[in-house]
C-alpha atoms as a PDB file:
ATOM      1  CA  MET A   1     114.531 107.644 140.511  1.00  0.00           C
ATOM      2  CA  SER A   2     113.737 106.211 137.099  1.00  0.00           C
ATOM      3  CA  HIS A   3     115.324 107.558 133.943  1.00  0.00           C
ATOM      4  CA  LYS A   4     113.508 106.977 130.659  1.00  0.00           C
ATOM      5  CA  ILE A   5     115.133 107.016 127.263  1.00  0.00           C
ATOM      6  CA  ARG A   6     113.042 107.064 124.074  1.00  0.00           C
ATOM      7  CA  VAL A   7     114.424 104.743 121.419  1.00  0.00           C
ATOM      8  CA  SER A   8     113.504 105.254 117.785  1.00  0.00           C
ATOM      9  CA  SER A   9     114.318 103.929 114.321  1.00  0.00           C
ATOM     10  CA  ARG A  10     114.844 106.194 111.333  1.00  0.00           C
ATOM     11  CA  SER A  11     115.427 105.551 107.656  1.00  0.00           C
ATOM     12  CA  ILE A  12     117.768 106.853 105.013  1.00  0.00           C
ATOM     13  CA  ILE A  13     116.039 106.246 101.676  1.00  0.00           C
ATOM     14  CA  ILE A  14     117.839 107.396  98.550  1.00  0.00           C
ATOM     15  CA  GLN A  15     116.373 106.826  95.102  1.00  0.00           C
ATOM     16  CA  ASP A  16     116.991 108.563  91.766  1.00  0.00           C
ATOM     17  CA  ASN A  17     119.390 111.099  93.360  1.00  0.00           C
ATOM     18  CA  LYS A  18     116.727 112.115  95.885  1.00  0.00           C
ATOM     19  CA  ILE A  19     116.318 111.407  99.583  1.00  0.00           C
ATOM     20  CA  LEU A  20     113.012 110.923 101.352  1.00  0.00           C
ATOM     21  CA  LEU A  21     112.585 113.329 104.259  1.00  0.00           C
ATOM     22  CA  ILE A  22     109.774 114.389 106.521  1.00  0.00           C
ATOM     23  CA  CYS A  23     109.110 118.090 106.056  1.00  0.00           C
ATOM     24  CA  PHE A  24     107.621 120.071 108.948  1.00  0.00           C
ATOM     25  CA  GLY A  25     105.845 123.386 108.500  1.00  0.00           C
ATOM     26  CA  ASN A  26     106.267 123.648 104.711  1.00  0.00           C
ATOM     27  CA  GLY A  27     110.061 123.615 104.959  1.00  0.00           C
ATOM     28  CA  LEU A  28     110.626 125.021 108.434  1.00  0.00           C
ATOM     29  CA  TYR A  29     112.725 121.941 109.217  1.00  0.00           C
ATOM     30  CA  TYR A  30     113.234 118.379 108.046  1.00  0.00           C
ATOM     31  CA  ASN A  31     113.757 115.042 109.739  1.00  0.00           C
ATOM     32  CA  PHE A  32     114.155 111.455 108.587  1.00  0.00           C
ATOM     33  CA  PRO A  33     111.157 109.120 108.288  1.00  0.00           C
ATOM     34  CA  GLY A  34     110.816 107.062 111.422  1.00  0.00           C
ATOM     35  CA  GLY A  35     109.795 107.186 115.038  1.00  0.00           C
ATOM     36  CA  GLY A  36     109.507 105.396 118.333  1.00  0.00           C
ATOM     37  CA  ILE A  37     109.866 101.655 118.710  1.00  0.00           C
ATOM     38  CA  GLU A  38     106.690 100.185 120.167  1.00  0.00           C
ATOM     39  CA  LYS A  39     106.265  97.294 122.598  1.00  0.00           C
ATOM     40  CA  HIS A  40     106.870  93.863 120.979  1.00  0.00           C
ATOM     41  CA  GLU A  41     108.544  95.501 117.969  1.00  0.00           C
ATOM     42  CA  THR A  42     112.160  95.343 116.780  1.00  0.00           C
ATOM     43  CA  ALA A  43     114.035  98.394 115.523  1.00  0.00           C
ATOM     44  CA  LYS A  44     113.739  97.122 111.949  1.00  0.00           C
ATOM     45  CA  GLN A  45     110.015  96.425 112.291  1.00  0.00           C
ATOM     46  CA  ALA A  46     109.534  99.939 113.681  1.00  0.00           C
ATOM     47  CA  VAL A  47     111.246 101.636 110.763  1.00  0.00           C
ATOM     48  CA  VAL A  48     109.143  99.688 108.234  1.00  0.00           C
ATOM     49  CA  ARG A  49     105.929 100.650 110.087  1.00  0.00           C
ATOM     50  CA  GLU A  50     106.927 104.289 110.520  1.00  0.00           C
ATOM     51  CA  VAL A  51     107.931 104.790 106.881  1.00  0.00           C
ATOM     52  CA  LEU A  52     104.634 103.254 105.755  1.00  0.00           C
ATOM     53  CA  GLU A  53     102.632 105.460 108.145  1.00  0.00           C
ATOM     54  CA  GLU A  54     104.446 108.674 107.218  1.00  0.00           C
ATOM     55  CA  SER A  55     104.991 108.204 103.474  1.00  0.00           C
ATOM     56  CA  GLY A  56     102.780 105.337 102.300  1.00  0.00           C
ATOM     57  CA  LEU A  57     105.882 103.496 101.032  1.00  0.00           C
ATOM     58  CA  THR A  58     106.874  99.956 101.930  1.00  0.00           C
ATOM     59  CA  VAL A  59     110.607  99.535 102.479  1.00  0.00           C
ATOM     60  CA  ASP A  60     113.148  96.779 102.848  1.00  0.00           C
ATOM     61  CA  VAL A  61     115.600  97.459 105.665  1.00  0.00           C
ATOM     62  CA  GLY A  62     119.320  97.301 104.992  1.00  0.00           C
ATOM     63  CA  GLU A  63     122.355  98.138 107.070  1.00  0.00           C
ATOM     64  CA  LEU A  64     122.476 100.009 110.343  1.00  0.00           C
ATOM     65  CA  VAL A  65     124.250 103.184 109.249  1.00  0.00           C
ATOM     66  CA  PHE A  66     124.588 105.103 112.494  1.00  0.00           C
ATOM     67  CA  SER A  67     123.033 105.880 115.828  1.00  0.00           C
ATOM     68  CA  LEU A  68     122.487 109.288 117.339  1.00  0.00           C
ATOM     69  CA  GLU A  69     122.018 110.144 121.000  1.00  0.00           C
ATOM     70  CA  TYR A  70     120.420 113.322 122.291  1.00  0.00           C
ATOM     71  CA  GLU A  71     120.893 113.908 126.014  1.00  0.00           C
ATOM     72  CA  PRO A  72     119.135 117.189 126.917  1.00  0.00           C
ATOM     73  CA  PHE A  73     121.398 118.463 129.687  1.00  0.00           C
ATOM     74  CA  ASN A  74     124.559 118.069 127.615  1.00  0.00           C
ATOM     75  CA  CYS A  75     122.850 119.674 124.611  1.00  0.00           C
ATOM     76  CA  GLY A  76     121.582 122.732 126.461  1.00  0.00           C
ATOM     77  CA  TYR A  77     117.998 121.477 126.100  1.00  0.00           C
ATOM     78  CA  SER A  78     118.118 122.483 122.396  1.00  0.00           C
ATOM     79  CA  TYR A  79     115.309 120.081 121.444  1.00  0.00           C
ATOM     80  CA  GLY A  80     113.424 119.654 124.686  1.00  0.00           C
ATOM     81  CA  ASP A  81     114.018 117.646 127.826  1.00  0.00           C
ATOM     82  CA  GLY A  82     113.534 114.084 126.552  1.00  0.00           C
ATOM     83  CA  HIS A  83     116.590 111.824 126.316  1.00  0.00           C
ATOM     84  CA  HIS A  84     116.509 109.766 123.131  1.00  0.00           C
ATOM     85  CA  ILE A  85     118.576 107.439 120.973  1.00  0.00           C
ATOM     86  CA  SER A  86     117.856 106.884 117.288  1.00  0.00           C
ATOM     87  CA  PHE A  87     119.035 104.056 115.045  1.00  0.00           C
ATOM     88  CA  PHE A  88     119.354 105.036 111.369  1.00  0.00           C
ATOM     89  CA  PHE A  89     118.966 102.258 108.793  1.00  0.00           C
ATOM     90  CA  ARG A  90     119.601 102.358 105.071  1.00  0.00           C
ATOM     91  CA  CYS A  91     116.250 101.428 103.558  1.00  0.00           C
ATOM     92  CA  TYR A  92     115.120 100.685 100.018  1.00  0.00           C
ATOM     93  CA  VAL A  93     111.674 101.255  98.515  1.00  0.00           C
ATOM     94  CA  ASN A  94     109.975  97.949  97.743  1.00  0.00           C
ATOM     95  CA  ASN A  95     108.559  98.776  94.316  1.00  0.00           C
ATOM     96  CA  SER A  96     106.634  95.498  94.136  1.00  0.00           C
ATOM     97  CA  ILE A  97     104.128  96.944  96.630  1.00  0.00           C
ATOM     98  CA  ALA A  98     102.043  99.898  95.461  1.00  0.00           C
ATOM     99  CA  PRO A  99     102.348 103.045  97.603  1.00  0.00           C
ATOM    100  CA  ALA A 100      99.480 103.718  99.995  1.00  0.00           C
ATOM    101  CA  GLU A 101      98.195 106.966 101.395  1.00  0.00           C
ATOM    102  CA  PRO A 102     100.176 108.047 104.460  1.00  0.00           C
ATOM    103  CA  SER A 103      98.170 107.171 107.556  1.00  0.00           C
ATOM    104  CA  HIS A 104      99.964 109.350 110.071  1.00  0.00           C
ATOM    105  CA  THR A 105     100.871 113.020 110.141  1.00  0.00           C
ATOM    106  CA  ASP A 106     103.348 114.104 112.791  1.00  0.00           C
ATOM    107  CA  VAL A 107     103.102 117.387 114.641  1.00  0.00           C
ATOM    108  CA  SER A 108     105.948 119.419 116.061  1.00  0.00           C
ATOM    109  CA  PRO A 109     106.384 118.750 119.791  1.00  0.00           C
ATOM    110  CA  ASP A 110     106.702 122.489 120.397  1.00  0.00           C
ATOM    111  CA  ASP A 111     103.856 123.735 118.192  1.00  0.00           C
ATOM    112  CA  GLU A 112     100.921 121.508 117.209  1.00  0.00           C
ATOM    113  CA  SER A 113     100.073 123.804 114.287  1.00  0.00           C
ATOM    114  CA  ILE A 114     103.280 122.641 112.556  1.00  0.00           C
ATOM    115  CA  THR A 115     102.507 119.387 110.751  1.00  0.00           C
ATOM    116  CA  SER A 116     104.544 117.043 108.564  1.00  0.00           C
ATOM    117  CA  ALA A 117     104.541 115.586 105.074  1.00  0.00           C
ATOM    118  CA  ALA A 118     106.873 113.196 103.279  1.00  0.00           C
ATOM    119  CA  GLU A 119     108.931 114.881 100.576  1.00  0.00           C
ATOM    120  CA  TRP A 120     111.585 113.716  98.113  1.00  0.00           C
ATOM    121  CA  VAL A 121     114.480 116.196  98.179  1.00  0.00           C
ATOM    122  CA  SER A 122     117.151 116.290  95.502  1.00  0.00           C
ATOM    123  CA  LEU A 123     120.617 115.442  96.847  1.00  0.00           C
ATOM    124  CA  SER A 124     121.894 118.586  95.117  1.00  0.00           C
ATOM    125  CA  GLU A 125     119.428 120.671  97.172  1.00  0.00           C
ATOM    126  CA  LEU A 126     120.213 119.125 100.563  1.00  0.00           C
ATOM    127  CA  HIS A 127     122.466 122.022 101.531  1.00  0.00           C
ATOM    128  CA  THR A 128     119.350 124.231 101.672  1.00  0.00           C
ATOM    129  CA  VAL A 129     117.517 121.969 104.126  1.00  0.00           C
ATOM    130  CA  ASN A 130     117.287 122.778 107.832  1.00  0.00           C
ATOM    131  CA  PHE A 131     117.895 119.356 109.429  1.00  0.00           C
ATOM    132  CA  ILE A 132     116.890 118.583 112.974  1.00  0.00           C
ATOM    133  CA  PRO A 133     119.162 117.048 114.126  1.00  0.00           C
ATOM    134  CA  PRO A 134     121.725 119.209 112.255  1.00  0.00           C
ATOM    135  CA  ILE A 135     123.672 116.439 110.506  1.00  0.00           C
ATOM    136  CA  TYR A 136     124.036 117.676 106.904  1.00  0.00           C
ATOM    137  CA  ASP A 137     127.842 117.339 106.708  1.00  0.00           C
ATOM    138  CA  SER A 138     127.852 113.839 108.156  1.00  0.00           C
ATOM    139  CA  LEU A 139     124.935 112.758 105.972  1.00  0.00           C
ATOM    140  CA  MET A 140     126.697 113.999 102.841  1.00  0.00           C
ATOM    141  CA  LYS A 141     129.901 112.224 103.837  1.00  0.00           C
ATOM    142  CA  TYR A 142     127.913 109.005 104.209  1.00  0.00           C
ATOM    143  CA  ILE A 143     126.150 109.522 100.844  1.00  0.00           C
ATOM    144  CA  GLU A 144     129.401 110.356  99.031  1.00  0.00           C
ATOM    145  CA  THR A 145     131.499 107.532 100.484  1.00  0.00           C
ATOM    146  CA  GLY A 146     128.845 104.852 100.776  1.00  0.00           C
ATOM    147  CA  VAL A 147     130.578 103.646 103.924  1.00  0.00           C
ATOM    148  CA  PHE A 148     128.152 101.428 105.810  1.00  0.00           C
ATOM    149  CA  SER A 149     130.176 100.808 108.952  1.00  0.00           C
ATOM    150  CA  PRO A 150     127.963 101.830 111.864  1.00  0.00           C
ATOM    151  CA  SER A 151     129.032 104.857 113.837  1.00  0.00           C
ATOM    152  CA  TYR A 152     127.771 106.498 117.002  1.00  0.00           C
ATOM    153  CA  TRP A 153     127.166 110.234 117.321  1.00  0.00           C
ATOM    154  CA  ALA A 154     126.368 112.087 120.496  1.00  0.00           C
ATOM    155  CA  GLU A 155     124.457 115.171 119.461  1.00  0.00           C
ATOM    156  CA  ASP A 156     126.194 117.497 121.916  1.00  0.00           C
ATOM    157  CA  ALA A 157     129.566 116.710 120.328  1.00  0.00           C
ATOM    158  CA  HIS A 158     128.196 116.558 116.808  1.00  0.00           C
ATOM    159  CA  LEU A 159     126.100 119.704 116.486  1.00  0.00           C
ATOM    160  CA  GLU A 160     127.191 121.513 113.368  1.00  0.00           C
ATOM    161  CA  LYS A 161     127.657 125.246 113.551  1.00  0.00           C
END
């Protein structure tokens, strides 16, 4: 029996005390810009493409900050039944390239009427954001310390209450 794992790349983009997030359903929940790695594409190439599609911004990719694994059985099927691993990279807006119109709007896997839009969120307002995955505390620790050493999180052990 074959077991498939979806691998994706996500970005952490911080500029002017704001972070770029993808907002679903006018604030229902937020995620990080990024998505699945396509055939013949590296993780870094995928994050550049995904950020451009979702926000219209061109980014330069920096350090691998962390990876996150979601295994449905061990997570009580909280976010569906697809096993996935995400690589999160620190990215920087390339201001020498003018922003374009986003070319891709995501929809919620559970409800196609819930669509997405890129949104800059003030770091001081992050505590009000409903993150999926729920990683606010860890994200803030990373932002406050600036520690770039890669770390691995398994979502079942890392879900914040």
